[in-house]
Amino acid sequence: MTTNDRPETRLATRLAFVAAGVAMACWAPLVPFAKANVGVDEAGLGLLLLCLGGGSVTAMPVVGWLAGRIGSKPLILWSGLGLVALLPLLMLADTVPVLAVTLMLFGAALGTLDVAMNVHAVEVERDAPKPLMSGFHAMFSIGGFAGAGGMTLLLGAGLTPVLAAVCGSLLTLTALLLAWPRLLIAKAGEPIPFALPRGIVLLLAGLAGITFLVEGAVLDWSALLVTGNGLLDPAHGGVGYMLFAGAMTVGRLTGDRIVARLGAARVLAAGGLTSVLGIVLLLTSPVAGIALAGFVLIGLGASNIVPVLFSLAGRQKVMSPALAIAAVTTVGYGGILLGPALLGLIAHNFDLSAAFALLAVLLTVIPATARLATKRAE
């Protein structure tokens, strides 16, 4: 019987995660430019980000069903190509309505790719003799580091935001083309209508939502936070996300071994507490270098939380794996894409530091419920 865990399918999964990481991270350094192009304040940007989240969470509920019906391969390819086409258009949008529509489509493509690649990852990991999920998500972080770092370097060298976005699209396209012939063709089980998460899946989804909310805040607001506080100039605003993505990469490259040795509960608890410490450091240190190191701690802490949650969702028995992953991803992306929009409203009425302080409070829920989540899912 042919196994899904083969060198070529592992490579294809990693490349899909790289493509998603690059496309998402390229957006982070471009946020201040998009904001300036359409002339909105923090509250206006927050409302625009609702379009990004709205597109994503609208697409996600049906992706688990589609993965069961047609397989994850076509979903990965078409959503990835959508990101390639839409990323430069985000920089060409010069009115609020045009940017809103483009963000909605970009969010839909990103949400589809995220669900599809995680369904593909679970199919591969299920036949593997050891955990693979943290390693797969490490490739997302590598893509994120490359996207944010490359975009920051290009912008710092004087390249226009549009041309820099085109370069990001070309890197994303390269990863997709390399993955294409190696992706699994098999369907991920029988097609099942979307259902709301229930039982342990509901808890896993909630924890994913909190973690993704933190990732979304760093993605969408870190450049404005560090430039607004005078830590960096606008051309180098992507350094914060680059440090975050780099730390996540290191954490996830070692994550499978750490999870195998310490267990899921300890990884969730330690990760949540480390991220809290990172936010505190970022907001309280008067020294720029030390404050920026807070991004490293946030990334290290968050690095293995989501992979562990996806693995638990794939092993629980309350819902089918594909449906559970779609549910967890939908709620999670409600955090990463809708949450930052709400943070924009908080920032408008208070400031970004207050919004990030709220994230630290929410993160304490993860260590508080870590043992319950792992005990119920395994």
Protein backbone atom coordinates (compact mmCIF):
# COMPACT_ATOMS: atom_id res chain seq x y z
CA MET A 1 0.00 0.00 0.00
CA THR A 2 1.46 3.38 -1.03
CA THR A 3 2.27 5.68 1.86
CA ASN A 4 1.64 9.42 1.82
CA ASP A 5 4.88 9.98 3.71
CA ARG A 6 7.45 10.05 0.91
CA PRO A 7 10.43 12.39 0.31
CA GLU A 8 8.65 14.10 -2.57
CA THR A 9 5.41 14.68 -0.62
CA ARG A 10 7.34 16.05 2.36
CA LEU A 11 9.16 18.43 -0.01
CA ALA A 12 5.92 19.52 -1.65
CA THR A 13 4.36 20.23 1.75
CA ARG A 14 7.36 22.28 2.82
CA LEU A 15 7.29 24.28 -0.41
CA ALA A 16 3.57 25.04 0.03
CA PHE A 17 4.29 26.38 3.52
CA VAL A 18 7.19 28.46 2.14
CA ALA A 19 4.92 29.99 -0.51
CA ALA A 20 2.29 30.95 2.08
CA GLY A 21 4.92 32.39 4.41
CA VAL A 22 6.51 34.52 1.70
CA ALA A 23 3.22 35.93 0.44
CA MET A 24 1.93 36.78 3.91
CA ALA A 25 5.20 38.27 5.17
CA CYS A 26 5.65 40.48 2.13
CA TRP A 27 2.53 42.32 3.25
CA ALA A 28 4.00 43.33 6.64
CA PRO A 29 6.60 45.89 5.43
CA LEU A 30 4.13 47.18 2.84
CA VAL A 31 1.38 48.10 5.33
CA PRO A 32 2.62 51.67 5.98
CA PHE A 33 2.80 52.30 2.22
CA ALA A 34 -0.71 50.92 1.62
CA LYS A 35 -1.97 53.10 4.47
CA ALA A 36 -0.35 56.18 2.94
CA ASN A 37 -1.58 55.36 -0.57
CA VAL A 38 -5.23 55.59 0.45
CA GLY A 39 -4.78 58.20 3.20
CA VAL A 40 -6.44 56.52 6.20
CA ASP A 41 -5.68 56.67 9.93
CA GLU A 42 -5.27 53.70 12.30
CA ALA A 43 -9.02 53.21 12.65
CA GLY A 44 -9.46 53.31 8.88
CA LEU A 45 -6.66 50.80 8.40
CA GLY A 46 -8.29 48.59 10.99
CA LEU A 47 -11.53 48.61 9.02
CA LEU A 48 -9.66 47.79 5.81
CA LEU A 49 -8.03 44.85 7.54
CA LEU A 50 -11.53 43.57 8.25
CA CYS A 51 -11.81 43.07 4.48
CA LEU A 52 -8.66 40.94 4.56
CA GLY A 53 -10.08 38.86 7.37
CA GLY A 54 -13.55 38.76 5.89
CA GLY A 55 -12.28 37.28 2.65
CA SER A 56 -10.28 34.68 4.51
CA VAL A 57 -12.92 33.47 6.94
CA THR A 58 -15.50 33.41 4.15
CA ALA A 59 -13.38 31.05 2.08
CA MET A 60 -12.10 28.82 4.86
CA PRO A 61 -15.30 27.04 5.92
CA VAL A 62 -15.71 25.41 2.50
CA VAL A 63 -12.06 24.49 1.98
CA GLY A 64 -12.21 21.44 4.26
CA TRP A 65 -15.22 20.21 2.28
CA LEU A 66 -13.46 20.88 -1.04
CA ALA A 67 -10.30 19.13 0.16
CA GLY A 68 -12.39 16.03 0.78
CA ARG A 69 -14.06 16.31 -2.62
CA ILE A 70 -11.20 17.26 -4.97
CA GLY A 71 -8.08 16.93 -2.80
CA SER A 72 -5.77 19.62 -1.45
CA LYS A 73 -3.50 19.86 -4.54
CA PRO A 74 -5.69 22.06 -6.77
CA LEU A 75 -6.61 24.24 -3.79
CA ILE A 76 -2.94 24.83 -2.97
CA LEU A 77 -2.08 25.66 -6.57
CA TRP A 78 -4.96 28.00 -7.42
CA SER A 79 -4.93 29.89 -4.12
CA GLY A 80 -1.15 30.27 -4.37
CA LEU A 81 -1.42 31.68 -7.87
CA GLY A 82 -4.06 34.08 -6.60
CA LEU A 83 -1.61 35.41 -4.01
CA VAL A 84 1.03 35.84 -6.71
CA ALA A 85 -1.32 37.99 -8.79
CA LEU A 86 -2.81 40.00 -5.92
CA LEU A 87 0.28 41.02 -3.94
CA PRO A 88 1.43 43.74 -6.41
CA LEU A 89 -2.15 44.93 -6.78
CA LEU A 90 -2.18 45.81 -3.07
CA MET A 91 0.46 48.45 -3.81
CA LEU A 92 -1.33 49.73 -6.92
CA ALA A 93 -4.60 50.37 -5.07
CA ASP A 94 -4.95 54.12 -4.56
CA THR A 95 -8.53 54.35 -3.26
CA VAL A 96 -10.19 52.80 -0.25
CA PRO A 97 -12.75 50.73 -2.24
CA VAL A 98 -10.10 49.26 -4.55
CA LEU A 99 -7.82 48.38 -1.63
CA ALA A 100 -10.76 46.89 0.26
CA VAL A 101 -11.70 44.55 -2.61
CA THR A 102 -8.08 43.56 -3.23
CA LEU A 103 -7.54 42.83 0.46
CA MET A 104 -10.69 40.69 0.52
CA LEU A 105 -9.48 38.60 -2.44
CA PHE A 106 -5.98 38.37 -0.98
CA GLY A 107 -7.43 37.16 2.32
CA ALA A 108 -9.58 34.55 0.57
CA ALA A 109 -6.58 33.17 -1.31
CA LEU A 110 -4.45 33.16 1.84
CA GLY A 111 -7.12 31.41 3.90
CA THR A 112 -7.67 28.77 1.23
CA LEU A 113 -3.96 28.03 0.96
CA ASP A 114 -3.57 27.79 4.73
CA VAL A 115 -6.34 25.21 5.18
CA ALA A 116 -5.32 23.19 2.11
CA MET A 117 -1.63 22.98 3.02
CA ASN A 118 -2.42 21.95 6.60
CA VAL A 119 -4.78 19.23 5.36
CA HIS A 120 -1.96 18.07 3.07
CA ALA A 121 0.47 18.17 6.00
CA VAL A 122 -1.78 16.04 8.21
CA GLU A 123 -2.16 13.48 5.41
CA VAL A 124 1.62 13.19 5.15
CA GLU A 125 2.26 13.21 8.91
CA ARG A 126 -0.35 10.52 9.56
CA ASP A 127 1.81 7.94 7.74
CA ALA A 128 5.10 9.17 9.24
CA PRO A 129 6.88 7.41 12.13
CA LYS A 130 7.57 10.70 13.97
CA PRO A 131 6.07 14.21 14.30
CA LEU A 132 6.47 16.43 11.23
CA MET A 133 4.08 19.34 11.77
CA SER A 134 6.51 21.72 13.49
CA GLY A 135 9.00 21.13 10.70
CA PHE A 136 6.37 21.96 8.10
CA HIS A 137 5.42 25.14 9.92
CA ALA A 138 9.11 26.00 10.18
CA MET A 139 9.06 26.33 6.41
CA PHE A 140 6.22 28.86 6.73
CA SER A 141 8.48 30.83 9.08
CA ILE A 142 11.42 30.52 6.69
CA GLY A 143 9.20 31.88 3.96
CA GLY A 144 8.10 34.63 6.31
CA PHE A 145 11.69 35.54 7.16
CA ALA A 146 12.61 35.58 3.47
CA GLY A 147 9.53 37.62 2.54
CA ALA A 148 9.85 40.24 5.28
CA GLY A 149 13.65 40.39 5.11
CA GLY A 150 13.79 40.56 1.34
CA MET A 151 11.06 43.19 1.17
CA THR A 152 12.80 45.29 3.83
CA LEU A 153 16.12 45.09 1.97
CA LEU A 154 14.50 46.00 -1.35
CA LEU A 155 12.63 48.95 0.12
CA GLY A 156 15.72 50.09 1.98
CA ALA A 157 17.68 49.98 -1.28
CA GLY A 158 15.19 52.37 -2.83
CA LEU A 159 13.00 49.99 -4.84
CA THR A 160 9.41 51.14 -5.20
CA PRO A 161 6.77 49.24 -3.18
CA VAL A 162 5.18 47.96 -6.41
CA LEU A 163 8.43 46.48 -7.76
CA ALA A 164 9.28 45.05 -4.34
CA ALA A 165 5.87 43.35 -4.26
CA VAL A 166 6.49 41.90 -7.74
CA CYS A 167 9.73 40.38 -6.44
CA GLY A 168 7.79 38.82 -3.57
CA SER A 169 5.29 37.36 -6.03
CA LEU A 170 8.07 35.83 -8.13
CA LEU A 171 9.54 34.13 -5.06
CA THR A 172 6.12 32.77 -4.13
CA LEU A 173 5.57 31.52 -7.68
CA THR A 174 8.91 29.70 -7.67
CA ALA A 175 7.99 27.73 -4.56
CA LEU A 176 4.59 26.82 -6.03
CA LEU A 177 6.03 25.61 -9.34
CA LEU A 178 8.54 23.40 -7.52
CA ALA A 179 5.79 21.92 -5.33
CA TRP A 180 3.29 21.33 -8.15
CA PRO A 181 4.38 17.89 -9.46
CA ARG A 182 5.05 16.52 -5.97
CA LEU A 183 1.76 17.29 -4.22
CA LEU A 184 -0.55 14.45 -3.19
CA ILE A 185 -3.35 13.77 -5.64
CA ALA A 186 -5.42 11.68 -3.23
CA LYS A 187 -8.53 13.22 -1.67
CA ALA A 188 -8.48 13.92 2.06
CA GLY A 189 -11.42 11.68 2.95
CA GLU A 190 -15.09 12.02 2.08
CA PRO A 191 -16.46 15.52 1.46
CA ILE A 192 -18.27 16.75 4.56
CA PRO A 193 -20.34 19.94 4.91
CA PHE A 194 -18.74 22.57 7.12
CA ALA A 195 -19.70 22.45 10.79
CA LEU A 196 -18.78 24.66 13.70
CA PRO A 197 -16.00 23.30 15.94
CA ARG A 198 -17.28 21.30 18.88
CA GLY A 199 -15.88 19.49 21.88
CA ILE A 200 -12.12 19.59 22.16
CA VAL A 201 -11.91 21.09 18.67
CA LEU A 202 -13.63 24.21 20.01
CA LEU A 203 -10.91 24.65 22.65
CA LEU A 204 -8.14 23.99 20.12
CA ALA A 205 -9.72 26.52 17.77
CA GLY A 206 -9.91 29.13 20.51
CA LEU A 207 -6.24 28.68 21.42
CA ALA A 208 -5.33 28.89 17.75
CA GLY A 209 -7.35 32.10 17.48
CA ILE A 210 -5.35 33.69 20.30
CA THR A 211 -2.02 32.62 18.83
CA PHE A 212 -2.93 33.73 15.33
CA LEU A 213 -4.15 37.04 16.76
CA VAL A 214 -0.65 37.66 18.07
CA GLU A 215 0.89 36.68 14.73
CA GLY A 216 -1.57 38.94 12.92
CA ALA A 217 -0.78 41.86 15.21
CA VAL A 218 2.93 41.48 14.52
CA LEU A 219 2.24 41.11 10.80
CA ASP A 220 -0.08 44.09 10.40
CA TRP A 221 0.99 46.47 13.15
CA SER A 222 4.66 45.85 14.04
CA ALA A 223 5.99 48.21 11.35
CA LEU A 224 3.70 51.00 12.56
CA LEU A 225 4.52 50.26 16.21
CA VAL A 226 8.30 50.48 15.79
CA THR A 227 8.19 53.48 13.46
CA GLY A 228 5.60 55.28 15.55
CA ASN A 229 7.70 54.80 18.68
CA GLY A 230 10.79 56.09 16.90
CA LEU A 231 12.68 52.79 16.97
CA LEU A 232 13.11 52.53 13.19
CA ASP A 233 12.48 54.58 10.05
CA PRO A 234 9.64 53.53 7.66
CA ALA A 235 11.96 51.87 5.12
CA HIS A 236 13.18 49.50 7.84
CA GLY A 237 9.83 48.99 9.55
CA GLY A 238 9.78 45.33 8.50
CA VAL A 239 12.71 44.46 10.79
CA GLY A 240 10.37 43.66 13.67
CA TYR A 241 8.45 41.07 11.68
CA MET A 242 11.72 39.77 10.22
CA LEU A 243 13.05 39.12 13.74
CA PHE A 244 9.76 37.51 14.71
CA ALA A 245 9.75 35.23 11.65
CA GLY A 246 13.41 34.34 12.12
CA ALA A 247 12.80 33.32 15.73
CA MET A 248 9.78 31.25 14.69
CA THR A 249 11.96 29.52 12.12
CA VAL A 250 14.54 28.53 14.72
CA GLY A 251 11.83 27.36 17.12
CA ARG A 252 10.03 25.27 14.52
CA LEU A 253 13.15 23.68 13.06
CA THR A 254 13.76 22.16 16.49
CA GLY A 255 10.09 21.89 17.39
CA ASP A 256 9.41 18.27 16.43
CA ARG A 257 12.23 17.06 18.66
CA ILE A 258 11.12 19.34 21.48
CA VAL A 259 7.52 18.13 21.26
CA ALA A 260 8.64 14.50 21.19
CA ARG A 261 10.78 15.03 24.30
CA LEU A 262 8.66 17.39 26.41
CA GLY A 263 5.14 16.59 25.26
CA ALA A 264 2.46 18.85 23.82
CA ALA A 265 1.21 20.26 27.14
CA ARG A 266 4.60 21.57 28.25
CA VAL A 267 5.31 23.05 24.83
CA LEU A 268 2.00 24.93 24.86
CA ALA A 269 2.54 26.25 28.39
CA ALA A 270 6.14 27.33 27.89
CA GLY A 271 5.38 28.87 24.52
CA GLY A 272 2.55 31.00 25.85
CA LEU A 273 4.60 32.32 28.76
CA THR A 274 7.61 33.12 26.56
CA SER A 275 5.45 35.13 24.17
CA VAL A 276 3.96 37.08 27.07
CA LEU A 277 7.48 37.94 28.25
CA GLY A 278 8.37 39.10 24.74
CA ILE A 279 5.44 41.51 24.54
CA VAL A 280 6.27 42.93 27.97
CA LEU A 281 9.88 43.49 26.88
CA LEU A 282 8.80 45.10 23.61
CA LEU A 283 6.52 47.57 25.37
CA THR A 284 8.59 48.45 28.41
CA SER A 285 12.24 48.59 27.39
CA PRO A 286 13.56 52.10 26.70
CA VAL A 287 16.48 50.70 24.68
CA ALA A 288 15.65 50.05 21.00
CA GLY A 289 17.83 46.95 20.65
CA ILE A 290 16.33 45.32 23.75
CA ALA A 291 12.79 46.28 22.76
CA LEU A 292 13.26 44.72 19.32
CA ALA A 293 14.52 41.55 21.04
CA GLY A 294 10.96 41.23 22.30
CA PHE A 295 9.98 40.18 18.78
CA VAL A 296 12.45 37.30 19.08
CA LEU A 297 10.84 36.06 22.29
CA ILE A 298 7.34 36.40 20.84
CA GLY A 299 8.41 34.36 17.81
CA LEU A 300 10.17 31.68 19.84
CA GLY A 301 7.21 31.32 22.17
CA ALA A 302 4.57 31.16 19.45
CA SER A 303 6.62 28.99 17.10
CA ASN A 304 5.33 25.56 18.15
CA ILE A 305 1.91 26.41 19.58
CA VAL A 306 0.07 26.29 16.25
CA PRO A 307 1.81 23.12 14.95
CA VAL A 308 0.90 21.33 18.19
CA LEU A 309 -2.71 22.50 17.91
CA PHE A 310 -2.97 21.29 14.31
CA SER A 311 -1.50 17.91 15.26
CA LEU A 312 -3.99 17.58 18.11
CA ALA A 313 -6.82 18.54 15.75
CA GLY A 314 -5.69 15.84 13.32
CA ARG A 315 -5.66 13.16 16.05
CA GLN A 316 -8.85 13.91 17.97
CA LYS A 317 -11.94 11.74 17.35
CA VAL A 318 -14.76 14.25 17.77
CA MET A 319 -14.66 15.47 14.16
CA SER A 320 -13.06 14.26 10.93
CA PRO A 321 -9.43 15.47 10.59
CA ALA A 322 -10.04 17.59 7.47
CA LEU A 323 -13.13 19.20 8.98
CA ALA A 324 -11.42 19.79 12.33
CA ILE A 325 -8.41 21.40 10.67
CA ALA A 326 -10.68 23.62 8.58
CA ALA A 327 -12.56 24.65 11.74
CA VAL A 328 -9.38 25.34 13.72
CA THR A 329 -7.88 27.26 10.81
CA THR A 330 -11.05 29.30 10.29
CA VAL A 331 -11.20 30.38 13.92
CA GLY A 332 -7.43 30.86 13.95
CA TYR A 333 -7.54 33.13 10.95
CA GLY A 334 -10.40 34.96 12.55
CA GLY A 335 -7.70 35.88 15.03
CA ILE A 336 -4.88 36.61 12.59
CA LEU A 337 -6.99 38.65 10.19
CA LEU A 338 -10.04 39.96 12.06
CA GLY A 339 -8.23 40.52 15.36
CA PRO A 340 -5.72 43.06 14.07
CA ALA A 341 -8.60 45.06 12.66
CA LEU A 342 -10.07 45.33 16.15
CA LEU A 343 -6.62 46.23 17.47
CA GLY A 344 -6.68 49.14 15.04
CA LEU A 345 -9.80 50.47 16.71
CA ILE A 346 -8.16 50.09 20.12
CA ALA A 347 -5.06 51.87 18.83
CA HIS A 348 -7.20 54.70 17.49
CA ASN A 349 -8.88 55.27 20.86
CA PHE A 350 -5.79 54.59 22.98
CA ASP A 351 -2.51 53.60 21.30
CA LEU A 352 -0.77 50.57 19.80
CA SER A 353 1.02 49.82 23.07
CA ALA A 354 -2.34 49.35 24.81
CA ALA A 355 -3.46 47.03 22.01
CA PHE A 356 -0.34 44.89 22.34
CA ALA A 357 -0.73 44.81 26.14
CA LEU A 358 -4.16 43.25 25.59
CA LEU A 359 -2.47 40.50 23.56
CA ALA A 360 -0.25 39.62 26.51
CA VAL A 361 -3.32 39.16 28.70
CA LEU A 362 -5.01 36.91 26.12
CA LEU A 363 -1.89 34.78 25.74
CA THR A 364 -2.05 33.70 29.38
CA VAL A 365 -5.08 31.55 28.45
CA ILE A 366 -2.78 29.14 26.57
CA PRO A 367 -0.63 27.97 29.52
CA ALA A 368 -3.73 27.96 31.72
CA THR A 369 -5.52 25.44 29.46
CA ALA A 370 -2.55 23.52 27.99
CA ARG A 371 -2.99 20.35 30.02
CA LEU A 372 -6.74 20.21 29.44
CA ALA A 373 -6.33 20.67 25.68
CA THR A 374 -3.78 17.89 25.27
CA LYS A 375 -5.50 15.46 27.62
CA ARG A 376 -8.84 15.75 25.82
CA ALA A 377 -7.38 15.52 22.31
CA GLU A 378 -4.93 12.64 22.68
